[in-house]
Amino acid sequence: MNKPVLAEATTLAAFATLAVAFADLLADHHVSALATLAVALFILNTGIFLGDALGRTLRTRLYRCPTRRCPVTITAPRNLGEDALRHYRTQATDHTLHTQAGTR
């Protein structure tokens, strides 16, 4: 497991603050405790999901095949050496390497 980056922590803190603010607002309007809890958990879950997606984006490099309509994408960790990244880049960008005898 990678260490969390500042962007993940900031995203989670912002969504936690938002969840508390909404829970307080709903409580002021006499909404049931179960509905208030559901909204707060939904907001927290959304923050966790977005924070995780942001963290993965910041930790990886994405290489795509430049050929139109080719679905090949390769995600590589950023902390790899230059040789390994070059290998992934070559695998993704050379269309003949990931098609059947280059017929596509």
N, C-alpha and C. Protein backbone atom coordinates (compact mmCIF):
# COMPACT_ATOMS: atom_id res chain seq x y z
N MET A 1 0.85 -1.18 0.00
CA MET A 1 0.00 0.00 0.00
C MET A 1 0.89 1.24 0.00
N ASN A 2 0.58 2.16 -0.86
CA ASN A 2 1.34 3.39 -0.95
C ASN A 2 0.90 4.37 0.13
N LYS A 3 1.82 5.23 0.51
CA LYS A 3 1.48 6.26 1.48
C LYS A 3 0.48 7.24 0.86
N PRO A 4 -0.44 7.74 1.65
CA PRO A 4 -1.40 8.70 1.09
C PRO A 4 -0.69 10.01 0.72
N VAL A 5 -1.13 10.60 -0.34
CA VAL A 5 -0.57 11.89 -0.75
C VAL A 5 -1.42 13.00 -0.15
N LEU A 6 -0.89 14.19 -0.14
CA LEU A 6 -1.57 15.34 0.45
C LEU A 6 -2.94 15.58 -0.18
N ALA A 7 -3.03 15.36 -1.47
CA ALA A 7 -4.31 15.58 -2.16
C ALA A 7 -5.39 14.64 -1.63
N GLU A 8 -5.04 13.39 -1.31
CA GLU A 8 -6.01 12.45 -0.75
C GLU A 8 -6.49 12.91 0.62
N ALA A 9 -5.55 13.31 1.46
CA ALA A 9 -5.91 13.77 2.80
C ALA A 9 -6.77 15.02 2.74
N THR A 10 -6.43 15.93 1.85
CA THR A 10 -7.20 17.17 1.70
C THR A 10 -8.61 16.88 1.21
N THR A 11 -8.73 15.97 0.25
CA THR A 11 -10.04 15.60 -0.28
C THR A 11 -10.90 14.98 0.81
N LEU A 12 -10.32 14.07 1.58
CA LEU A 12 -11.09 13.42 2.63
C LEU A 12 -11.49 14.41 3.72
N ALA A 13 -10.58 15.32 4.09
CA ALA A 13 -10.91 16.33 5.10
C ALA A 13 -12.04 17.24 4.62
N ALA A 14 -11.99 17.63 3.35
CA ALA A 14 -13.04 18.50 2.80
C ALA A 14 -14.40 17.79 2.81
N PHE A 15 -14.42 16.53 2.41
CA PHE A 15 -15.68 15.80 2.38
C PHE A 15 -16.18 15.49 3.79
N ALA A 16 -15.28 15.27 4.74
CA ALA A 16 -15.70 15.05 6.13
C ALA A 16 -16.35 16.32 6.68
N THR A 17 -15.75 17.47 6.37
CA THR A 17 -16.33 18.75 6.79
C THR A 17 -17.71 18.95 6.16
N LEU A 18 -17.81 18.63 4.89
CA LEU A 18 -19.08 18.75 4.18
C LEU A 18 -20.14 17.82 4.79
N ALA A 19 -19.74 16.60 5.14
CA ALA A 19 -20.68 15.64 5.74
C ALA A 19 -21.19 16.15 7.08
N VAL A 20 -20.29 16.71 7.89
CA VAL A 20 -20.70 17.25 9.20
C VAL A 20 -21.64 18.44 9.01
N ALA A 21 -21.32 19.31 8.05
CA ALA A 21 -22.16 20.48 7.79
C ALA A 21 -23.57 20.07 7.34
N PHE A 22 -23.64 19.09 6.45
CA PHE A 22 -24.95 18.62 5.99
C PHE A 22 -25.71 17.94 7.12
N ALA A 23 -25.01 17.14 7.92
CA ALA A 23 -25.67 16.47 9.03
C ALA A 23 -26.25 17.49 10.01
N ASP A 24 -25.49 18.55 10.27
CA ASP A 24 -25.97 19.60 11.17
C ASP A 24 -27.18 20.32 10.58
N LEU A 25 -27.12 20.60 9.29
CA LEU A 25 -28.23 21.27 8.62
C LEU A 25 -29.49 20.41 8.65
N LEU A 26 -29.32 19.12 8.38
CA LEU A 26 -30.48 18.23 8.40
C LEU A 26 -31.05 18.08 9.81
N ALA A 27 -30.17 18.05 10.80
CA ALA A 27 -30.64 17.95 12.19
C ALA A 27 -31.43 19.19 12.58
N ASP A 28 -30.99 20.36 12.10
CA ASP A 28 -31.72 21.60 12.38
C ASP A 28 -33.12 21.59 11.77
N HIS A 29 -33.29 20.86 10.68
CA HIS A 29 -34.60 20.77 10.03
C HIS A 29 -35.39 19.55 10.48
N HIS A 30 -34.97 18.93 11.57
CA HIS A 30 -35.66 17.81 12.20
C HIS A 30 -35.85 16.61 11.27
N VAL A 31 -34.81 16.34 10.48
CA VAL A 31 -34.81 15.15 9.64
C VAL A 31 -34.43 13.97 10.53
N SER A 32 -34.96 12.79 10.25
CA SER A 32 -34.70 11.63 11.10
C SER A 32 -33.20 11.31 11.17
N ALA A 33 -32.83 10.69 12.26
CA ALA A 33 -31.41 10.37 12.49
C ALA A 33 -30.91 9.39 11.42
N LEU A 34 -31.74 8.46 11.01
CA LEU A 34 -31.33 7.49 10.01
C LEU A 34 -31.07 8.15 8.66
N ALA A 35 -31.95 9.06 8.26
CA ALA A 35 -31.76 9.78 7.00
C ALA A 35 -30.52 10.66 7.07
N THR A 36 -30.30 11.31 8.21
CA THR A 36 -29.12 12.16 8.39
C THR A 36 -27.85 11.31 8.31
N LEU A 37 -27.85 10.16 8.95
CA LEU A 37 -26.71 9.26 8.90
C LEU A 37 -26.45 8.77 7.48
N ALA A 38 -27.51 8.45 6.77
CA ALA A 38 -27.37 7.97 5.39
C ALA A 38 -26.73 9.04 4.50
N VAL A 39 -27.16 10.28 4.64
CA VAL A 39 -26.59 11.37 3.85
C VAL A 39 -25.13 11.59 4.20
N ALA A 40 -24.81 11.60 5.49
CA ALA A 40 -23.43 11.80 5.93
C ALA A 40 -22.52 10.68 5.42
N LEU A 41 -23.00 9.44 5.51
CA LEU A 41 -22.19 8.32 5.02
C LEU A 41 -22.02 8.35 3.51
N PHE A 42 -23.05 8.77 2.80
CA PHE A 42 -22.95 8.91 1.36
C PHE A 42 -21.89 9.94 0.98
N ILE A 43 -21.90 11.07 1.65
CA ILE A 43 -20.92 12.12 1.37
C ILE A 43 -19.51 11.63 1.71
N LEU A 44 -19.34 10.95 2.84
CA LEU A 44 -18.03 10.42 3.20
C LEU A 44 -17.57 9.37 2.19
N ASN A 45 -18.46 8.49 1.77
CA ASN A 45 -18.12 7.47 0.79
C ASN A 45 -17.68 8.10 -0.53
N THR A 46 -18.38 9.13 -0.95
CA THR A 46 -18.00 9.84 -2.18
C THR A 46 -16.61 10.45 -2.04
N GLY A 47 -16.32 11.04 -0.89
CA GLY A 47 -15.00 11.62 -0.66
C GLY A 47 -13.90 10.58 -0.67
N ILE A 48 -14.17 9.43 -0.07
CA ILE A 48 -13.18 8.35 -0.08
C ILE A 48 -12.92 7.87 -1.50
N PHE A 49 -13.99 7.69 -2.28
CA PHE A 49 -13.85 7.24 -3.66
C PHE A 49 -13.05 8.25 -4.49
N LEU A 50 -13.40 9.52 -4.39
CA LEU A 50 -12.69 10.54 -5.17
C LEU A 50 -11.25 10.70 -4.72
N GLY A 51 -11.02 10.64 -3.41
CA GLY A 51 -9.65 10.72 -2.90
C GLY A 51 -8.79 9.57 -3.38
N ASP A 52 -9.37 8.37 -3.40
CA ASP A 52 -8.64 7.20 -3.88
C ASP A 52 -8.33 7.33 -5.37
N ALA A 53 -9.30 7.77 -6.15
CA ALA A 53 -9.09 7.95 -7.59
C ALA A 53 -8.01 9.00 -7.85
N LEU A 54 -8.05 10.09 -7.09
CA LEU A 54 -7.05 11.13 -7.23
C LEU A 54 -5.66 10.61 -6.86
N GLY A 55 -5.58 9.84 -5.78
CA GLY A 55 -4.30 9.27 -5.37
C GLY A 55 -3.72 8.32 -6.40
N ARG A 56 -4.59 7.46 -6.97
CA ARG A 56 -4.12 6.55 -8.02
C ARG A 56 -3.64 7.31 -9.23
N THR A 57 -4.34 8.39 -9.57
CA THR A 57 -3.94 9.21 -10.72
C THR A 57 -2.57 9.85 -10.48
N LEU A 58 -2.33 10.31 -9.28
CA LEU A 58 -1.05 10.95 -8.98
C LEU A 58 0.10 9.95 -8.86
N ARG A 59 -0.21 8.67 -8.62
CA ARG A 59 0.83 7.66 -8.44
C ARG A 59 1.16 6.86 -9.70
N THR A 60 0.41 7.06 -10.77
CA THR A 60 0.60 6.22 -11.95
C THR A 60 0.76 7.06 -13.21
N ARG A 61 1.28 6.38 -14.23
CA ARG A 61 1.35 6.97 -15.57
C ARG A 61 0.50 6.11 -16.48
N LEU A 62 -0.19 6.74 -17.38
CA LEU A 62 -1.08 6.03 -18.29
C LEU A 62 -0.52 6.15 -19.71
N TYR A 63 -0.33 5.00 -20.35
CA TYR A 63 0.13 4.96 -21.73
C TYR A 63 -0.98 4.37 -22.58
N ARG A 64 -1.28 5.02 -23.70
CA ARG A 64 -2.35 4.56 -24.60
C ARG A 64 -1.79 4.33 -25.99
N CYS A 65 -2.44 3.43 -26.68
CA CYS A 65 -2.08 3.18 -28.08
C CYS A 65 -2.59 4.36 -28.91
N PRO A 66 -1.73 4.92 -29.77
CA PRO A 66 -2.16 6.07 -30.57
C PRO A 66 -3.07 5.71 -31.74
N THR A 67 -3.23 4.41 -32.02
CA THR A 67 -4.09 3.99 -33.13
C THR A 67 -5.54 4.23 -32.75
N ARG A 68 -6.27 4.81 -33.66
CA ARG A 68 -7.67 5.14 -33.40
C ARG A 68 -8.48 3.88 -33.10
N ARG A 69 -9.33 3.97 -32.10
CA ARG A 69 -10.23 2.91 -31.65
C ARG A 69 -9.52 1.69 -31.07
N CYS A 70 -8.25 1.79 -30.78
CA CYS A 70 -7.55 0.69 -30.12
C CYS A 70 -7.75 0.86 -28.61
N PRO A 71 -8.29 -0.16 -27.94
CA PRO A 71 -8.61 0.00 -26.52
C PRO A 71 -7.44 -0.20 -25.56
N VAL A 72 -6.25 -0.43 -26.05
CA VAL A 72 -5.13 -0.77 -25.17
C VAL A 72 -4.65 0.45 -24.39
N THR A 73 -4.66 0.31 -23.08
CA THR A 73 -4.05 1.29 -22.18
C THR A 73 -3.25 0.52 -21.14
N ILE A 74 -2.12 1.06 -20.77
CA ILE A 74 -1.28 0.45 -19.75
C ILE A 74 -1.04 1.47 -18.65
N THR A 75 -1.32 1.06 -17.42
CA THR A 75 -1.09 1.91 -16.26
C THR A 75 0.15 1.40 -15.54
N ALA A 76 1.12 2.27 -15.35
CA ALA A 76 2.39 1.89 -14.70
C ALA A 76 2.63 2.79 -13.50
N PRO A 77 3.16 2.23 -12.42
CA PRO A 77 3.50 3.06 -11.25
C PRO A 77 4.57 4.09 -11.61
N ARG A 78 4.47 5.27 -11.04
CA ARG A 78 5.45 6.33 -11.33
C ARG A 78 6.83 6.05 -10.75
N ASN A 79 6.91 5.21 -9.71
CA ASN A 79 8.19 5.02 -9.05
C ASN A 79 9.07 3.95 -9.71
N LEU A 80 8.72 3.50 -10.90
CA LEU A 80 9.55 2.53 -11.62
C LEU A 80 10.74 3.23 -12.26
N GLY A 81 11.73 2.44 -12.60
CA GLY A 81 12.91 2.99 -13.28
C GLY A 81 12.58 3.37 -14.71
N GLU A 82 13.48 4.12 -15.31
CA GLU A 82 13.25 4.62 -16.67
C GLU A 82 13.17 3.48 -17.68
N ASP A 83 13.94 2.41 -17.48
CA ASP A 83 13.90 1.28 -18.40
C ASP A 83 12.54 0.58 -18.37
N ALA A 84 12.01 0.38 -17.18
CA ALA A 84 10.70 -0.27 -17.06
C ALA A 84 9.60 0.61 -17.66
N LEU A 85 9.66 1.91 -17.42
CA LEU A 85 8.67 2.82 -17.99
C LEU A 85 8.77 2.83 -19.52
N ARG A 86 9.99 2.78 -20.03
CA ARG A 86 10.18 2.73 -21.48
C ARG A 86 9.56 1.45 -22.05
N HIS A 87 9.70 0.34 -21.34
CA HIS A 87 9.11 -0.93 -21.77
C HIS A 87 7.58 -0.81 -21.84
N TYR A 88 6.96 -0.28 -20.81
CA TYR A 88 5.50 -0.11 -20.81
C TYR A 88 5.05 0.83 -21.91
N ARG A 89 5.79 1.92 -22.10
CA ARG A 89 5.44 2.89 -23.14
C ARG A 89 5.51 2.23 -24.52
N THR A 90 6.56 1.42 -24.74
CA THR A 90 6.71 0.73 -26.02
C THR A 90 5.58 -0.27 -26.23
N GLN A 91 5.22 -1.01 -25.19
CA GLN A 91 4.15 -1.98 -25.30
C GLN A 91 2.82 -1.30 -25.67
N ALA A 92 2.59 -0.14 -25.14
CA ALA A 92 1.32 0.55 -25.39
C ALA A 92 1.30 1.26 -26.73
N THR A 93 2.40 1.87 -27.11
CA THR A 93 2.38 2.72 -28.30
C THR A 93 2.69 1.98 -29.60
N ASP A 94 3.28 0.79 -29.54
CA ASP A 94 3.53 0.02 -30.75
C ASP A 94 2.33 -0.89 -30.99
N HIS A 95 1.48 -0.48 -31.88
CA HIS A 95 0.21 -1.17 -32.12
C HIS A 95 0.41 -2.62 -32.57
N THR A 96 1.50 -2.89 -33.29
CA THR A 96 1.73 -4.25 -33.79
C THR A 96 2.05 -5.23 -32.67
N LEU A 97 2.49 -4.75 -31.51
CA LEU A 97 2.82 -5.64 -30.41
C LEU A 97 1.60 -6.19 -29.68
N HIS A 98 0.47 -5.51 -29.76
CA HIS A 98 -0.71 -5.97 -29.03
C HIS A 98 -1.90 -6.29 -29.94
N THR A 99 -1.62 -6.56 -31.21
CA THR A 99 -2.67 -7.04 -32.10
C THR A 99 -2.22 -8.38 -32.68
N GLN A 100 -3.13 -9.09 -33.25
CA GLN A 100 -2.78 -10.38 -33.87
C GLN A 100 -2.02 -10.14 -35.15
N ALA A 101 -0.73 -10.29 -35.09
CA ALA A 101 0.16 -10.11 -36.24
C ALA A 101 0.00 -8.74 -36.89
N GLY A 102 -0.42 -7.77 -36.11
CA GLY A 102 -0.53 -6.39 -36.62
C GLY A 102 -1.60 -6.21 -37.68
N THR A 103 -2.66 -7.01 -37.66
CA THR A 103 -3.68 -6.94 -38.70
C THR A 103 -4.75 -5.89 -38.44
N ARG A 104 -4.77 -5.29 -37.29
CA ARG A 104 -5.82 -4.29 -37.02
C ARG A 104 -5.43 -2.94 -37.52
